[in-house]
Amino acid sequence: MAIFPVISDEIIAKFNEKCETDGLKPEVPELCGHNGLACRQRNLEQGANRALCFGCALKTFAEEEQTARKEKNEENIS
């Protein structure tokens, strides 16, 4: 597992769905497009490791998703 969360197309789709459902306007750097649709770290194995990524709502969402997925996998193994 990467140190930094990987911003995949799946994560971006879930993030945008959550924003629309909850009516949120998340804090994502303007350079990264509307709700991170133009994220420059998208699908890169190194993950969201740029200074611009720190404080980004998409990065935080990706961390939470990957942590939840890891915990679910650990429960299934036990």
N, C-alpha and C. Protein backbone atom coordinates (compact mmCIF):
# COMPACT_ATOMS: atom_id res chain seq x y z
N MET A 1 0.84 -1.19 0.00
CA MET A 1 0.00 0.00 0.00
C MET A 1 0.89 1.25 0.00
N ALA A 2 0.50 2.21 -0.78
CA ALA A 2 1.26 3.45 -0.91
C ALA A 2 1.15 4.29 0.37
N ILE A 3 2.16 5.09 0.62
CA ILE A 3 2.14 6.00 1.76
C ILE A 3 1.06 7.06 1.55
N PHE A 4 0.96 7.55 0.33
CA PHE A 4 -0.03 8.56 -0.02
C PHE A 4 -1.18 7.88 -0.75
N PRO A 5 -2.40 8.35 -0.56
CA PRO A 5 -3.53 7.70 -1.22
C PRO A 5 -3.48 7.88 -2.74
N VAL A 6 -3.83 6.83 -3.44
CA VAL A 6 -3.88 6.87 -4.89
C VAL A 6 -5.23 7.44 -5.32
N ILE A 7 -5.20 8.43 -6.17
CA ILE A 7 -6.42 9.06 -6.66
C ILE A 7 -6.82 8.36 -7.95
N SER A 8 -7.71 7.41 -7.84
CA SER A 8 -8.14 6.64 -9.01
C SER A 8 -9.41 7.25 -9.59
N ASP A 9 -9.76 6.81 -10.78
CA ASP A 9 -11.01 7.26 -11.40
C ASP A 9 -12.20 6.88 -10.53
N GLU A 10 -12.13 5.71 -9.90
CA GLU A 10 -13.20 5.24 -9.01
C GLU A 10 -13.36 6.17 -7.81
N ILE A 11 -12.24 6.57 -7.21
CA ILE A 11 -12.27 7.47 -6.05
C ILE A 11 -12.86 8.82 -6.45
N ILE A 12 -12.46 9.34 -7.59
CA ILE A 12 -12.99 10.64 -8.05
C ILE A 12 -14.49 10.54 -8.29
N ALA A 13 -14.94 9.44 -8.89
CA ALA A 13 -16.38 9.26 -9.13
C ALA A 13 -17.16 9.20 -7.82
N LYS A 14 -16.65 8.45 -6.84
CA LYS A 14 -17.31 8.35 -5.52
C LYS A 14 -17.32 9.72 -4.83
N PHE A 15 -16.20 10.44 -4.94
CA PHE A 15 -16.09 11.76 -4.31
C PHE A 15 -17.11 12.73 -4.90
N ASN A 16 -17.22 12.74 -6.23
CA ASN A 16 -18.17 13.63 -6.88
C ASN A 16 -19.61 13.25 -6.55
N GLU A 17 -19.88 11.95 -6.47
CA GLU A 17 -21.22 11.48 -6.10
C GLU A 17 -21.57 11.94 -4.68
N LYS A 18 -20.61 11.81 -3.76
CA LYS A 18 -20.84 12.23 -2.38
C LYS A 18 -21.06 13.75 -2.30
N CYS A 19 -20.28 14.51 -3.05
CA CYS A 19 -20.43 15.97 -3.05
C CYS A 19 -21.81 16.37 -3.56
N GLU A 20 -22.28 15.72 -4.63
CA GLU A 20 -23.60 16.03 -5.18
C GLU A 20 -24.71 15.62 -4.21
N THR A 21 -24.57 14.44 -3.63
CA THR A 21 -25.58 13.92 -2.70
C THR A 21 -25.70 14.80 -1.47
N ASP A 22 -24.53 15.20 -0.92
CA ASP A 22 -24.51 16.00 0.31
C ASP A 22 -24.61 17.50 0.05
N GLY A 23 -24.54 17.91 -1.21
CA GLY A 23 -24.60 19.33 -1.55
C GLY A 23 -23.37 20.09 -1.08
N LEU A 24 -22.21 19.44 -1.12
CA LEU A 24 -20.97 20.05 -0.63
C LEU A 24 -20.21 20.76 -1.74
N LYS A 25 -19.48 21.79 -1.37
CA LYS A 25 -18.52 22.45 -2.26
C LYS A 25 -17.17 22.27 -1.58
N PRO A 26 -16.47 21.17 -1.91
CA PRO A 26 -15.23 20.84 -1.20
C PRO A 26 -14.06 21.75 -1.55
N GLU A 27 -13.09 21.76 -0.65
CA GLU A 27 -11.86 22.53 -0.85
C GLU A 27 -10.88 21.69 -1.67
N VAL A 28 -10.87 21.93 -2.97
CA VAL A 28 -9.94 21.28 -3.89
C VAL A 28 -9.22 22.39 -4.63
N PRO A 29 -7.89 22.30 -4.75
CA PRO A 29 -7.16 23.36 -5.46
C PRO A 29 -7.74 23.62 -6.85
N GLU A 30 -7.85 24.88 -7.24
CA GLU A 30 -8.43 25.25 -8.54
C GLU A 30 -7.70 24.59 -9.70
N LEU A 31 -6.40 24.46 -9.57
CA LEU A 31 -5.60 23.83 -10.61
C LEU A 31 -6.07 22.41 -10.91
N CYS A 32 -6.67 21.77 -9.93
CA CYS A 32 -7.08 20.37 -10.04
C CYS A 32 -8.49 20.21 -10.62
N GLY A 33 -9.11 21.28 -11.02
CA GLY A 33 -10.41 21.21 -11.67
C GLY A 33 -11.56 21.08 -10.69
N HIS A 34 -12.75 21.09 -11.25
CA HIS A 34 -13.97 20.98 -10.45
C HIS A 34 -13.98 19.65 -9.70
N ASN A 35 -13.97 19.70 -8.39
CA ASN A 35 -13.98 18.52 -7.52
C ASN A 35 -12.88 17.51 -7.87
N GLY A 36 -11.75 17.99 -8.37
CA GLY A 36 -10.61 17.13 -8.64
C GLY A 36 -10.66 16.37 -9.95
N LEU A 37 -11.55 16.75 -10.85
CA LEU A 37 -11.67 16.03 -12.12
C LEU A 37 -10.42 16.15 -12.99
N ALA A 38 -9.59 17.15 -12.74
CA ALA A 38 -8.35 17.31 -13.50
C ALA A 38 -7.13 17.06 -12.61
N CYS A 39 -7.30 16.25 -11.59
CA CYS A 39 -6.22 15.95 -10.64
C CYS A 39 -4.98 15.46 -11.39
N ARG A 40 -3.86 16.10 -11.13
CA ARG A 40 -2.62 15.75 -11.82
C ARG A 40 -1.98 14.49 -11.27
N GLN A 41 -2.44 14.01 -10.14
CA GLN A 41 -1.91 12.78 -9.55
C GLN A 41 -2.81 11.58 -9.82
N ARG A 42 -3.81 11.76 -10.65
CA ARG A 42 -4.78 10.71 -10.96
C ARG A 42 -4.10 9.47 -11.53
N ASN A 43 -4.43 8.34 -10.92
CA ASN A 43 -3.97 7.02 -11.35
C ASN A 43 -2.45 6.85 -11.32
N LEU A 44 -1.75 7.65 -10.55
CA LEU A 44 -0.30 7.49 -10.40
C LEU A 44 -0.02 6.67 -9.15
N GLU A 45 0.86 5.70 -9.26
CA GLU A 45 1.18 4.80 -8.16
C GLU A 45 1.74 5.55 -6.95
N GLN A 46 2.42 6.67 -7.19
CA GLN A 46 3.01 7.45 -6.09
C GLN A 46 1.95 8.12 -5.22
N GLY A 47 0.74 8.26 -5.73
CA GLY A 47 -0.35 8.84 -4.95
C GLY A 47 -0.32 10.35 -4.90
N ALA A 48 -1.15 10.90 -4.04
CA ALA A 48 -1.30 12.35 -3.88
C ALA A 48 -0.20 12.88 -2.98
N ASN A 49 1.00 13.00 -3.53
CA ASN A 49 2.16 13.36 -2.72
C ASN A 49 2.69 14.76 -2.98
N ARG A 50 1.99 15.58 -3.71
CA ARG A 50 2.45 16.93 -4.01
C ARG A 50 2.04 17.88 -2.89
N ALA A 51 2.79 18.96 -2.75
CA ALA A 51 2.45 19.95 -1.72
C ALA A 51 1.04 20.48 -1.93
N LEU A 52 0.64 20.58 -3.18
CA LEU A 52 -0.70 21.06 -3.52
C LEU A 52 -1.78 20.12 -2.96
N CYS A 53 -1.44 18.85 -2.80
CA CYS A 53 -2.41 17.85 -2.34
C CYS A 53 -2.75 17.98 -0.85
N PHE A 54 -1.84 18.53 -0.08
CA PHE A 54 -2.08 18.63 1.36
C PHE A 54 -3.19 19.63 1.63
N GLY A 55 -4.19 19.20 2.36
CA GLY A 55 -5.35 20.03 2.63
C GLY A 55 -6.45 19.85 1.59
N CYS A 56 -6.22 19.01 0.58
CA CYS A 56 -7.20 18.78 -0.48
C CYS A 56 -8.27 17.80 0.02
N ALA A 57 -9.52 18.15 -0.18
CA ALA A 57 -10.63 17.30 0.26
C ALA A 57 -10.65 15.97 -0.48
N LEU A 58 -10.24 15.95 -1.74
CA LEU A 58 -10.20 14.71 -2.50
C LEU A 58 -9.16 13.76 -1.92
N LYS A 59 -8.01 14.27 -1.53
CA LYS A 59 -6.97 13.44 -0.91
C LYS A 59 -7.48 12.86 0.40
N THR A 60 -8.13 13.68 1.21
CA THR A 60 -8.68 13.21 2.48
C THR A 60 -9.72 12.13 2.25
N PHE A 61 -10.58 12.33 1.29
CA PHE A 61 -11.60 11.34 0.95
C PHE A 61 -10.95 10.03 0.51
N ALA A 62 -9.91 10.12 -0.32
CA ALA A 62 -9.21 8.93 -0.80
C ALA A 62 -8.56 8.17 0.35
N GLU A 63 -7.98 8.90 1.30
CA GLU A 63 -7.37 8.26 2.48
C GLU A 63 -8.42 7.50 3.27
N GLU A 64 -9.58 8.13 3.49
CA GLU A 64 -10.65 7.49 4.25
C GLU A 64 -11.17 6.24 3.53
N GLU A 65 -11.33 6.32 2.22
CA GLU A 65 -11.80 5.18 1.43
C GLU A 65 -10.80 4.03 1.49
N GLN A 66 -9.53 4.33 1.33
CA GLN A 66 -8.51 3.29 1.32
C GLN A 66 -8.33 2.67 2.71
N THR A 67 -8.48 3.47 3.77
CA THR A 67 -8.41 2.94 5.12
C THR A 67 -9.59 2.01 5.38
N ALA A 68 -10.78 2.42 4.96
CA ALA A 68 -11.97 1.58 5.14
C ALA A 68 -11.83 0.27 4.36
N ARG A 69 -11.31 0.35 3.15
CA ARG A 69 -11.11 -0.85 2.32
C ARG A 69 -10.10 -1.79 2.97
N LYS A 70 -9.03 -1.23 3.53
CA LYS A 70 -8.00 -2.04 4.19
C LYS A 70 -8.58 -2.73 5.42
N GLU A 71 -9.35 -2.00 6.22
CA GLU A 71 -9.97 -2.59 7.42
C GLU A 71 -10.94 -3.70 7.05
N LYS A 72 -11.69 -3.50 5.98
CA LYS A 72 -12.64 -4.51 5.53
C LYS A 72 -11.91 -5.78 5.09
N ASN A 73 -10.80 -5.60 4.36
CA ASN A 73 -10.00 -6.75 3.94
C ASN A 73 -9.41 -7.51 5.13
N GLU A 74 -8.97 -6.77 6.15
CA GLU A 74 -8.41 -7.40 7.34
C GLU A 74 -9.48 -8.18 8.09
N GLU A 75 -10.70 -7.67 8.13
CA GLU A 75 -11.81 -8.38 8.78
C GLU A 75 -12.12 -9.68 8.04
N ASN A 76 -12.08 -9.64 6.72
CA ASN A 76 -12.37 -10.83 5.92
C ASN A 76 -11.30 -11.90 6.09
N ILE A 77 -10.07 -11.49 6.35
CA ILE A 77 -8.97 -12.43 6.55
C ILE A 77 -9.11 -13.13 7.89
N SER A 78 -9.57 -12.39 8.89
CA SER A 78 -9.67 -12.95 10.26
C SER A 78 -10.72 -14.02 10.38
